[in-house]
Amino acid sequence: MTKVIASLIAGLFATAAFAQAPATAPAAPETKPAVAEKTEAKPAAKKKTHHAAKKEVKESKAAEAVAAAPAAK
């Protein structure tokens, strides 16, 4: 039991020492060479995200409900 407690205390000291160590500087990102020619231009339109598509469906359903309401009277 004392060995377990001793190892837990040693782990706490190691954790505290690691937390107080200064952070190392991140490595410089690798630079890519400039591309002379682009093969094709990418389309300007972005792909719809799930949330945008869901919002669009919700709005269209609301518009249909509003359009159908006067016809029901």
PDB file of N, CA and C in Angstrom:
ATOM      1  N   MET A   1       0.820  -1.193   0.000  1.00  0.00           N
ATOM      2  CA  MET A   1       0.000   0.000   0.000  1.00  0.00           C
ATOM      3  C   MET A   1       0.865   1.259   0.000  1.00  0.00           C
ATOM      4  N   THR A   2       1.957   1.236   0.727  1.00  0.00           N
ATOM      5  CA  THR A   2       2.827   2.415   0.777  1.00  0.00           C
ATOM      6  C   THR A   2       3.487   2.667  -0.566  1.00  0.00           C
ATOM      7  N   LYS A   3       3.748   1.605  -1.332  1.00  0.00           N
ATOM      8  CA  LYS A   3       4.345   1.784  -2.662  1.00  0.00           C
ATOM      9  C   LYS A   3       3.359   2.476  -3.598  1.00  0.00           C
ATOM     10  N   VAL A   4       2.082   2.141  -3.450  1.00  0.00           N
ATOM     11  CA  VAL A   4       1.052   2.763  -4.292  1.00  0.00           C
ATOM     12  C   VAL A   4       0.952   4.246  -3.958  1.00  0.00           C
ATOM     13  N   ILE A   5       0.921   4.557  -2.674  1.00  0.00           N
ATOM     14  CA  ILE A   5       0.834   5.962  -2.257  1.00  0.00           C
ATOM     15  C   ILE A   5       2.079   6.719  -2.695  1.00  0.00           C
ATOM     16  N   ALA A   6       3.247   6.109  -2.568  1.00  0.00           N
ATOM     17  CA  ALA A   6       4.489   6.753  -2.981  1.00  0.00           C
ATOM     18  C   ALA A   6       4.493   7.016  -4.484  1.00  0.00           C
ATOM     19  N   SER A   7       3.997   6.080  -5.273  1.00  0.00           N
ATOM     20  CA  SER A   7       3.971   6.280  -6.722  1.00  0.00           C
ATOM     21  C   SER A   7       2.959   7.360  -7.104  1.00  0.00           C
ATOM     22  N   LEU A   8       1.831   7.446  -6.396  1.00  0.00           N
ATOM     23  CA  LEU A   8       0.853   8.503  -6.661  1.00  0.00           C
ATOM     24  C   LEU A   8       1.436   9.881  -6.346  1.00  0.00           C
ATOM     25  N   ILE A   9       2.154   9.991  -5.242  1.00  0.00           N
ATOM     26  CA  ILE A   9       2.775  11.271  -4.872  1.00  0.00           C
ATOM     27  C   ILE A   9       3.855  11.637  -5.886  1.00  0.00           C
ATOM     28  N   ALA A  10       4.639  10.661  -6.318  1.00  0.00           N
ATOM     29  CA  ALA A  10       5.661  10.921  -7.328  1.00  0.00           C
ATOM     30  C   ALA A  10       5.010  11.384  -8.632  1.00  0.00           C
ATOM     31  N   GLY A  11       3.866  10.803  -8.971  1.00  0.00           N
ATOM     32  CA  GLY A  11       3.133  11.225 -10.166  1.00  0.00           C
ATOM     33  C   GLY A  11       2.645  12.647 -10.057  1.00  0.00           C
ATOM     34  N   LEU A  12       2.204  13.049  -8.871  1.00  0.00           N
ATOM     35  CA  LEU A  12       1.769  14.436  -8.667  1.00  0.00           C
ATOM     36  C   LEU A  12       2.926  15.401  -8.856  1.00  0.00           C
ATOM     37  N   PHE A  13       4.101  15.050  -8.319  1.00  0.00           N
ATOM     38  CA  PHE A  13       5.264  15.913  -8.485  1.00  0.00           C
ATOM     39  C   PHE A  13       5.669  16.005  -9.955  1.00  0.00           C
ATOM     40  N   ALA A  14       5.617  14.893 -10.659  1.00  0.00           N
ATOM     41  CA  ALA A  14       5.970  14.905 -12.077  1.00  0.00           C
ATOM     42  C   ALA A  14       4.989  15.759 -12.874  1.00  0.00           C
ATOM     43  N   THR A  15       3.715  15.672 -12.535  1.00  0.00           N
ATOM     44  CA  THR A  15       2.694  16.466 -13.221  1.00  0.00           C
ATOM     45  C   THR A  15       2.903  17.951 -12.971  1.00  0.00           C
ATOM     46  N   ALA A  16       3.203  18.307 -11.722  1.00  0.00           N
ATOM     47  CA  ALA A  16       3.437  19.717 -11.380  1.00  0.00           C
ATOM     48  C   ALA A  16       4.665  20.247 -12.101  1.00  0.00           C
ATOM     49  N   ALA A  17       5.718  19.445 -12.190  1.00  0.00           N
ATOM     50  CA  ALA A  17       6.935  19.874 -12.883  1.00  0.00           C
ATOM     51  C   ALA A  17       6.669  20.053 -14.373  1.00  0.00           C
ATOM     52  N   PHE A  18       5.890  19.150 -14.956  1.00  0.00           N
ATOM     53  CA  PHE A  18       5.569  19.258 -16.381  1.00  0.00           C
ATOM     54  C   PHE A  18       4.712  20.493 -16.652  1.00  0.00           C
ATOM     55  N   ALA A  19       3.788  20.798 -15.761  1.00  0.00           N
ATOM     56  CA  ALA A  19       2.898  21.939 -15.956  1.00  0.00           C
ATOM     57  C   ALA A  19       3.651  23.263 -15.843  1.00  0.00           C
ATOM     58  N   GLN A  20       4.728  23.298 -15.072  1.00  0.00           N
ATOM     59  CA  GLN A  20       5.472  24.539 -14.885  1.00  0.00           C
ATOM     60  C   GLN A  20       6.573  24.728 -15.913  1.00  0.00           C
ATOM     61  N   ALA A  21       6.873  23.729 -16.714  1.00  0.00           N
ATOM     62  CA  ALA A  21       7.922  23.841 -17.723  1.00  0.00           C
ATOM     63  C   ALA A  21       7.483  24.826 -18.801  1.00  0.00           C
ATOM     64  N   PRO A  22       8.425  25.647 -19.302  1.00  0.00           N
ATOM     65  CA  PRO A  22       8.048  26.599 -20.356  1.00  0.00           C
ATOM     66  C   PRO A  22       7.677  25.867 -21.643  1.00  0.00           C
ATOM     67  N   ALA A  23       6.732  26.438 -22.359  1.00  0.00           N
ATOM     68  CA  ALA A  23       6.279  25.821 -23.609  1.00  0.00           C
ATOM     69  C   ALA A  23       7.355  25.987 -24.669  1.00  0.00           C
ATOM     70  N   THR A  24       7.548  24.977 -25.463  1.00  0.00           N
ATOM     71  CA  THR A  24       8.524  25.055 -26.547  1.00  0.00           C
ATOM     72  C   THR A  24       7.902  25.799 -27.720  1.00  0.00           C
ATOM     73  N   ALA A  25       8.729  26.463 -28.491  1.00  0.00           N
ATOM     74  CA  ALA A  25       8.239  27.200 -29.656  1.00  0.00           C
ATOM     75  C   ALA A  25       7.812  26.201 -30.726  1.00  0.00           C
ATOM     76  N   PRO A  26       6.676  26.437 -31.371  1.00  0.00           N
ATOM     77  CA  PRO A  26       6.244  25.509 -32.424  1.00  0.00           C
ATOM     78  C   PRO A  26       7.205  25.577 -33.610  1.00  0.00           C
ATOM     79  N   ALA A  27       7.346  24.477 -34.285  1.00  0.00           N
ATOM     80  CA  ALA A  27       8.220  24.405 -35.451  1.00  0.00           C
ATOM     81  C   ALA A  27       7.679  25.306 -36.558  1.00  0.00           C
ATOM     82  N   ALA A  28       8.566  25.911 -37.301  1.00  0.00           N
ATOM     83  CA  ALA A  28       8.155  26.790 -38.398  1.00  0.00           C
ATOM     84  C   ALA A  28       7.427  25.956 -39.451  1.00  0.00           C
ATOM     85  N   PRO A  29       6.297  26.462 -39.951  1.00  0.00           N
ATOM     86  CA  PRO A  29       5.572  25.695 -40.964  1.00  0.00           C
ATOM     87  C   PRO A  29       6.394  25.590 -42.246  1.00  0.00           C
ATOM     88  N   GLU A  30       6.258  24.465 -42.890  1.00  0.00           N
ATOM     89  CA  GLU A  30       6.994  24.227 -44.119  1.00  0.00           C
ATOM     90  C   GLU A  30       6.407  25.094 -45.222  1.00  0.00           C
ATOM     91  N   THR A  31       7.266  25.840 -45.912  1.00  0.00           N
ATOM     92  CA  THR A  31       6.786  26.704 -46.989  1.00  0.00           C
ATOM     93  C   THR A  31       6.666  25.898 -48.266  1.00  0.00           C
ATOM     94  N   LYS A  32       5.631  26.190 -49.010  1.00  0.00           N
ATOM     95  CA  LYS A  32       5.407  25.495 -50.270  1.00  0.00           C
ATOM     96  C   LYS A  32       5.898  26.380 -51.414  1.00  0.00           C
ATOM     97  N   PRO A  33       6.483  25.811 -52.434  1.00  0.00           N
ATOM     98  CA  PRO A  33       6.941  26.611 -53.573  1.00  0.00           C
ATOM     99  C   PRO A  33       5.742  27.189 -54.330  1.00  0.00           C
ATOM    100  N   ALA A  34       5.942  28.364 -54.904  1.00  0.00           N
ATOM    101  CA  ALA A  34       4.873  29.017 -55.654  1.00  0.00           C
ATOM    102  C   ALA A  34       4.544  28.217 -56.899  1.00  0.00           C
ATOM    103  N   VAL A  35       3.273  28.115 -57.210  1.00  0.00           N
ATOM    104  CA  VAL A  35       2.829  27.373 -58.387  1.00  0.00           C
ATOM    105  C   VAL A  35       2.803  28.338 -59.565  1.00  0.00           C
ATOM    106  N   ALA A  36       3.421  27.956 -60.667  1.00  0.00           N
ATOM    107  CA  ALA A  36       3.517  28.828 -61.827  1.00  0.00           C
ATOM    108  C   ALA A  36       2.168  28.964 -62.532  1.00  0.00           C
ATOM    109  N   GLU A  37       1.458  27.847 -62.729  1.00  0.00           N
ATOM    110  CA  GLU A  37       0.182  27.877 -63.443  1.00  0.00           C
ATOM    111  C   GLU A  37      -0.881  27.160 -62.632  1.00  0.00           C
ATOM    112  N   LYS A  38      -2.070  27.688 -62.700  1.00  0.00           N
ATOM    113  CA  LYS A  38      -3.198  26.985 -62.101  1.00  0.00           C
ATOM    114  C   LYS A  38      -3.937  26.289 -63.224  1.00  0.00           C
ATOM    115  N   THR A  39      -4.322  25.054 -62.957  1.00  0.00           N
ATOM    116  CA  THR A  39      -4.987  24.288 -64.013  1.00  0.00           C
ATOM    117  C   THR A  39      -6.397  24.810 -64.266  1.00  0.00           C
ATOM    118  N   GLU A  40      -7.201  24.939 -63.211  1.00  0.00           N
ATOM    119  CA  GLU A  40      -8.565  25.449 -63.372  1.00  0.00           C
ATOM    120  C   GLU A  40      -8.924  26.287 -62.168  1.00  0.00           C
ATOM    121  N   ALA A  41      -9.770  27.261 -62.393  1.00  0.00           N
ATOM    122  CA  ALA A  41     -10.245  28.073 -61.287  1.00  0.00           C
ATOM    123  C   ALA A  41     -11.349  27.315 -60.565  1.00  0.00           C
ATOM    124  N   LYS A  42     -11.352  27.409 -59.254  1.00  0.00           N
ATOM    125  CA  LYS A  42     -12.388  26.737 -58.478  1.00  0.00           C
ATOM    126  C   LYS A  42     -13.684  27.537 -58.577  1.00  0.00           C
ATOM    127  N   PRO A  43     -14.821  26.871 -58.544  1.00  0.00           N
ATOM    128  CA  PRO A  43     -16.092  27.597 -58.594  1.00  0.00           C
ATOM    129  C   PRO A  43     -16.278  28.443 -57.345  1.00  0.00           C
ATOM    130  N   ALA A  44     -16.921  29.585 -57.518  1.00  0.00           N
ATOM    131  CA  ALA A  44     -17.103  30.523 -56.416  1.00  0.00           C
ATOM    132  C   ALA A  44     -18.152  30.039 -55.425  1.00  0.00           C
ATOM    133  N   ALA A  45     -19.093  29.229 -55.875  1.00  0.00           N
ATOM    134  CA  ALA A  45     -20.164  28.764 -54.999  1.00  0.00           C
ATOM    135  C   ALA A  45     -19.619  27.767 -53.990  1.00  0.00           C
ATOM    136  N   LYS A  46     -20.036  27.943 -52.756  1.00  0.00           N
ATOM    137  CA  LYS A  46     -19.612  27.019 -51.712  1.00  0.00           C
ATOM    138  C   LYS A  46     -20.660  25.932 -51.543  1.00  0.00           C
ATOM    139  N   LYS A  47     -20.208  24.804 -51.047  1.00  0.00           N
ATOM    140  CA  LYS A  47     -21.118  23.706 -50.770  1.00  0.00           C
ATOM    141  C   LYS A  47     -21.975  24.088 -49.564  1.00  0.00           C
ATOM    142  N   LYS A  48     -23.252  23.796 -49.630  1.00  0.00           N
ATOM    143  CA  LYS A  48     -24.142  24.121 -48.515  1.00  0.00           C
ATOM    144  C   LYS A  48     -23.835  23.228 -47.330  1.00  0.00           C
ATOM    145  N   THR A  49     -23.839  23.844 -46.176  1.00  0.00           N
ATOM    146  CA  THR A  49     -23.652  23.049 -44.981  1.00  0.00           C
ATOM    147  C   THR A  49     -24.995  22.471 -44.557  1.00  0.00           C
ATOM    148  N   HIS A  50     -24.950  21.544 -43.659  1.00  0.00           N
ATOM    149  CA  HIS A  50     -26.162  20.897 -43.184  1.00  0.00           C
ATOM    150  C   HIS A  50     -27.109  21.928 -42.569  1.00  0.00           C
ATOM    151  N   HIS A  51     -26.552  22.838 -41.785  1.00  0.00           N
ATOM    152  CA  HIS A  51     -27.391  23.816 -41.106  1.00  0.00           C
ATOM    153  C   HIS A  51     -28.046  24.778 -42.094  1.00  0.00           C
ATOM    154  N   ALA A  52     -27.313  25.184 -43.118  1.00  0.00           N
ATOM    155  CA  ALA A  52     -27.870  26.096 -44.106  1.00  0.00           C
ATOM    156  C   ALA A  52     -28.984  25.405 -44.887  1.00  0.00           C
ATOM    157  N   ALA A  53     -28.783  24.144 -45.236  1.00  0.00           N
ATOM    158  CA  ALA A  53     -29.803  23.404 -45.975  1.00  0.00           C
ATOM    159  C   ALA A  53     -31.043  23.207 -45.110  1.00  0.00           C
ATOM    160  N   LYS A  54     -30.844  22.926 -43.838  1.00  0.00           N
ATOM    161  CA  LYS A  54     -31.965  22.722 -42.925  1.00  0.00           C
ATOM    162  C   LYS A  54     -32.760  24.018 -42.760  1.00  0.00           C
ATOM    163  N   LYS A  55     -32.044  25.149 -42.670  1.00  0.00           N
ATOM    164  CA  LYS A  55     -32.701  26.443 -42.532  1.00  0.00           C
ATOM    165  C   LYS A  55     -33.520  26.762 -43.789  1.00  0.00           C
ATOM    166  N   GLU A  56     -32.961  26.420 -44.947  1.00  0.00           N
ATOM    167  CA  GLU A  56     -33.663  26.681 -46.203  1.00  0.00           C
ATOM    168  C   GLU A  56     -34.962  25.878 -46.281  1.00  0.00           C
ATOM    169  N   VAL A  57     -34.931  24.628 -45.864  1.00  0.00           N
ATOM    170  CA  VAL A  57     -36.126  23.788 -45.877  1.00  0.00           C
ATOM    171  C   VAL A  57     -37.164  24.337 -44.918  1.00  0.00           C
ATOM    172  N   LYS A  58     -36.709  24.770 -43.758  1.00  0.00           N
ATOM    173  CA  LYS A  58     -37.613  25.316 -42.757  1.00  0.00           C
ATOM    174  C   LYS A  58     -38.302  26.577 -43.288  1.00  0.00           C
ATOM    175  N   GLU A  59     -37.519  27.452 -43.958  1.00  0.00           N
ATOM    176  CA  GLU A  59     -38.092  28.678 -44.514  1.00  0.00           C
ATOM    177  C   GLU A  59     -39.095  28.381 -45.627  1.00  0.00           C
ATOM    178  N   SER A  60     -38.796  27.391 -46.469  1.00  0.00           N
ATOM    179  CA  SER A  60     -39.712  27.067 -47.556  1.00  0.00           C
ATOM    180  C   SER A  60     -41.014  26.483 -47.019  1.00  0.00           C
ATOM    181  N   LYS A  61     -40.938  25.680 -45.958  1.00  0.00           N
ATOM    182  CA  LYS A  61     -42.148  25.142 -45.341  1.00  0.00           C
ATOM    183  C   LYS A  61     -42.981  26.252 -44.725  1.00  0.00           C
ATOM    184  N   ALA A  62     -42.315  27.226 -44.104  1.00  0.00           N
ATOM    185  CA  ALA A  62     -43.029  28.346 -43.501  1.00  0.00           C
ATOM    186  C   ALA A  62     -43.706  29.179 -44.588  1.00  0.00           C
ATOM    187  N   ALA A  63     -43.026  29.369 -45.723  1.00  0.00           N
ATOM    188  CA  ALA A  63     -43.606  30.133 -46.829  1.00  0.00           C
ATOM    189  C   ALA A  63     -44.812  29.404 -47.409  1.00  0.00           C
ATOM    190  N   GLU A  64     -44.736  28.079 -47.507  1.00  0.00           N
ATOM    191  CA  GLU A  64     -45.867  27.308 -48.016  1.00  0.00           C
ATOM    192  C   GLU A  64     -47.047  27.413 -47.069  1.00  0.00           C
ATOM    193  N   ALA A  65     -46.797  27.401 -45.774  1.00  0.00           N
ATOM    194  CA  ALA A  65     -47.865  27.481 -44.788  1.00  0.00           C
ATOM    195  C   ALA A  65     -48.556  28.845 -44.866  1.00  0.00           C
ATOM    196  N   VAL A  66     -47.776  29.895 -45.068  1.00  0.00           N
ATOM    197  CA  VAL A  66     -48.337  31.248 -45.182  1.00  0.00           C
ATOM    198  C   VAL A  66     -49.153  31.374 -46.462  1.00  0.00           C
ATOM    199  N   ALA A  67     -48.659  30.796 -47.544  1.00  0.00           N
ATOM    200  CA  ALA A  67     -49.360  30.873 -48.817  1.00  0.00           C
ATOM    201  C   ALA A  67     -50.659  30.048 -48.762  1.00  0.00           C
ATOM    202  N   ALA A  68     -50.669  28.950 -48.034  1.00  0.00           N
ATOM    203  CA  ALA A  68     -51.840  28.101 -47.961  1.00  0.00           C
ATOM    204  C   ALA A  68     -52.884  28.646 -46.989  1.00  0.00           C
ATOM    205  N   ALA A  69     -52.495  29.466 -46.038  1.00  0.00           N
ATOM    206  CA  ALA A  69     -53.420  29.988 -45.033  1.00  0.00           C
ATOM    207  C   ALA A  69     -54.529  30.848 -45.633  1.00  0.00           C
ATOM    208  N   PRO A  70     -54.250  31.817 -46.506  1.00  0.00           N
ATOM    209  CA  PRO A  70     -55.347  32.601 -47.084  1.00  0.00           C
ATOM    210  C   PRO A  70     -56.264  31.774 -47.971  1.00  0.00           C
ATOM    211  N   ALA A  71     -55.749  30.763 -48.610  1.00  0.00           N
ATOM    212  CA  ALA A  71     -56.567  29.934 -49.499  1.00  0.00           C
ATOM    213  C   ALA A  71     -57.562  29.085 -48.706  1.00  0.00           C
ATOM    214  N   ALA A  72     -57.222  28.799 -47.447  1.00  0.00           N
ATOM    215  CA  ALA A  72     -58.114  27.985 -46.628  1.00  0.00           C
ATOM    216  C   ALA A  72     -59.340  28.773 -46.147  1.00  0.00           C
ATOM    217  N   LYS A  73     -59.296  30.082 -46.118  1.00  0.00           N
ATOM    218  CA  LYS A  73     -60.424  30.881 -45.637  1.00  0.00           C
ATOM    219  C   LYS A  73     -61.566  30.920 -46.568  1.00  0.00           C
TER     220      LYS A  73
END
